Amino acid sequence: MNYENLLKRALDKLPKKVESKSRFKMPDIVSEISGNKTIIRNFNEILSALRREPQHLSKYLFKELAAPGNIEGKILILQTKVPNEILKKKLESYVKEFVFCKECSEPDTKLIKEERIYFLKCEACGCKYPARSI
């Protein structure tokens, strides 16, 4: 067998195109509007998927939505009515800014606070850069 035949045979044995390149899956927001409040039921699940502290994400949402709120156990309560589509857009912008590495675009980052400044440290490429304060 020549080289081209061996190469063709090897390529035929490789799996076909991978459907999704990213292993990161952002959970859907499960929210309900109760009176004048919006309750995010799966706040804890979102935090564990993003690997972030509840105070950081909640502070971001409170500021971006211009609404007060609080964390009660595993849920987040916003003191205003917020449609699910807006919550999803705000969460996507948070992920883009505070989860994905700006160098390698991987979600393997940690938010580290050194003195008064937050840094994003990528565990994939080792890049470290300051994050915007909220």
Protein backbone atom coordinates (compact mmCIF):
# COMPACT_ATOMS: atom_id res chain seq x y z
CA MET A 1 0.00 0.00 0.00
CA ASN A 2 1.22 3.46 -0.78
CA TYR A 3 1.03 6.50 1.47
CA GLU A 4 -2.10 8.02 -0.13
CA ASN A 5 -4.11 4.81 0.32
CA LEU A 6 -3.06 4.52 3.98
CA LEU A 7 -3.96 8.16 4.55
CA LYS A 8 -7.37 7.75 2.88
CA ARG A 9 -8.09 4.66 4.99
CA ALA A 10 -7.12 6.49 8.19
CA LEU A 11 -9.33 9.47 7.30
CA ASP A 12 -12.26 7.15 6.59
CA LYS A 13 -11.95 5.66 10.08
CA LEU A 14 -12.05 9.07 11.79
CA PRO A 15 -15.43 10.14 13.20
CA LYS A 16 -17.46 12.46 11.01
CA LYS A 17 -17.81 16.13 11.85
CA VAL A 18 -18.32 16.92 15.52
CA GLU A 19 -21.66 18.63 16.11
CA SER A 20 -20.58 21.06 18.82
CA LYS A 21 -17.07 22.41 19.25
CA SER A 22 -17.70 23.83 22.69
CA ARG A 23 -18.05 21.67 25.77
CA PHE A 24 -19.48 24.62 27.68
CA LYS A 25 -23.27 24.58 27.99
CA MET A 26 -24.97 27.54 29.58
CA PRO A 27 -28.07 26.41 31.48
CA ASP A 28 -31.43 27.91 30.57
CA ILE A 29 -32.84 30.38 33.08
CA VAL A 30 -35.86 29.08 34.95
CA SER A 31 -37.67 32.20 36.16
CA GLU A 32 -41.15 33.17 37.20
CA ILE A 33 -42.80 36.50 37.80
CA SER A 34 -44.68 36.68 41.07
CA GLY A 35 -46.39 40.00 41.66
CA ASN A 36 -43.72 42.67 41.27
CA LYS A 37 -40.84 40.22 41.72
CA THR A 38 -38.90 37.98 39.37
CA ILE A 39 -37.63 34.74 40.89
CA ILE A 40 -34.75 32.87 39.25
CA ARG A 41 -35.28 29.30 40.46
CA ASN A 42 -32.10 27.69 39.12
CA PHE A 43 -29.62 30.37 40.26
CA ASN A 44 -27.43 27.79 42.01
CA GLU A 45 -27.27 25.63 38.86
CA ILE A 46 -26.22 28.66 36.80
CA LEU A 47 -23.50 29.51 39.35
CA SER A 48 -22.05 26.00 39.29
CA ALA A 49 -22.03 25.92 35.46
CA LEU A 50 -20.24 29.30 35.32
CA ARG A 51 -18.01 28.55 38.34
CA ARG A 52 -18.65 31.97 39.86
CA GLU A 53 -19.53 33.33 43.29
CA PRO A 54 -23.20 34.22 43.91
CA GLN A 55 -22.31 37.76 45.02
CA HIS A 56 -20.49 38.57 41.77
CA LEU A 57 -23.21 37.38 39.38
CA SER A 58 -26.06 38.81 41.47
CA LYS A 59 -24.33 42.20 41.76
CA TYR A 60 -23.87 42.23 37.97
CA LEU A 61 -27.55 41.41 37.37
CA PHE A 62 -28.76 43.98 39.92
CA LYS A 63 -26.67 46.70 38.27
CA GLU A 64 -27.42 45.76 34.64
CA LEU A 65 -31.16 45.45 35.27
CA ALA A 66 -31.23 48.53 37.54
CA ALA A 67 -33.20 46.54 40.08
CA PRO A 68 -32.61 45.68 43.72
CA GLY A 69 -32.74 42.07 44.80
CA ASN A 70 -31.44 39.43 47.14
CA ILE A 71 -30.31 35.81 47.31
CA GLU A 72 -32.45 33.43 49.36
CA GLY A 73 -30.92 29.98 49.56
CA LYS A 74 -30.67 28.61 46.03
CA ILE A 75 -32.79 31.27 44.32
CA LEU A 76 -32.30 34.88 43.27
CA ILE A 77 -35.12 37.36 43.75
CA LEU A 78 -35.26 40.58 41.70
CA GLN A 79 -37.58 43.31 43.00
CA THR A 80 -39.03 44.02 39.54
CA LYS A 81 -40.65 42.23 36.62
CA VAL A 82 -38.00 41.07 34.12
CA PRO A 83 -38.89 38.97 31.05
CA ASN A 84 -36.93 35.74 30.56
CA GLU A 85 -35.47 36.98 27.23
CA ILE A 86 -33.83 39.98 28.92
CA LEU A 87 -32.45 37.77 31.71
CA LYS A 88 -30.97 35.46 29.08
CA LYS A 89 -29.32 38.36 27.21
CA LYS A 90 -27.83 39.75 30.43
CA LEU A 91 -26.49 36.33 31.41
CA GLU A 92 -24.94 35.90 27.95
CA SER A 93 -23.20 39.27 28.24
CA TYR A 94 -21.91 38.28 31.71
CA VAL A 95 -20.54 35.01 30.31
CA LYS A 96 -18.86 36.82 27.41
CA GLU A 97 -17.22 39.37 29.72
CA PHE A 98 -16.45 37.37 32.89
CA VAL A 99 -16.27 33.67 31.92
CA PHE A 100 -14.66 33.21 28.50
CA CYS A 101 -10.92 33.94 28.15
CA LYS A 102 -10.17 36.85 25.83
CA GLU A 103 -7.04 35.10 24.49
CA CYS A 104 -8.05 31.48 23.83
CA SER A 105 -11.89 31.77 24.11
CA GLU A 106 -12.11 28.87 26.57
CA PRO A 107 -14.52 28.93 29.55
CA ASP A 108 -11.84 27.61 31.95
CA THR A 109 -11.32 30.83 33.90
CA LYS A 110 -11.26 31.76 37.56
CA LEU A 111 -12.20 35.12 38.99
CA ILE A 112 -9.46 36.07 41.46
CA LYS A 113 -9.51 39.12 43.73
CA GLU A 114 -6.09 40.60 44.48
CA GLU A 115 -6.32 43.51 46.91
CA ARG A 116 -9.23 45.50 45.40
CA ILE A 117 -8.94 44.36 41.78
CA TYR A 118 -10.57 41.34 40.15
CA PHE A 119 -8.52 39.35 37.64
CA LEU A 120 -9.61 36.67 35.19
CA LYS A 121 -7.08 33.83 35.22
CA CYS A 122 -7.36 31.28 32.42
CA GLU A 123 -6.55 27.72 33.43
CA ALA A 124 -6.24 26.66 29.78
CA CYS A 125 -3.66 29.13 28.42
CA GLY A 126 -2.40 30.80 31.63
CA CYS A 127 -3.44 34.30 30.58
CA LYS A 128 -4.25 36.75 33.39
CA TYR A 129 -5.89 40.13 32.89
CA PRO A 130 -7.97 42.57 34.96
CA ALA A 131 -11.74 42.32 34.88
CA ARG A 132 -14.02 45.34 34.94
CA SER A 133 -15.32 46.20 38.38
CA ILE A 134 -19.05 45.97 38.89
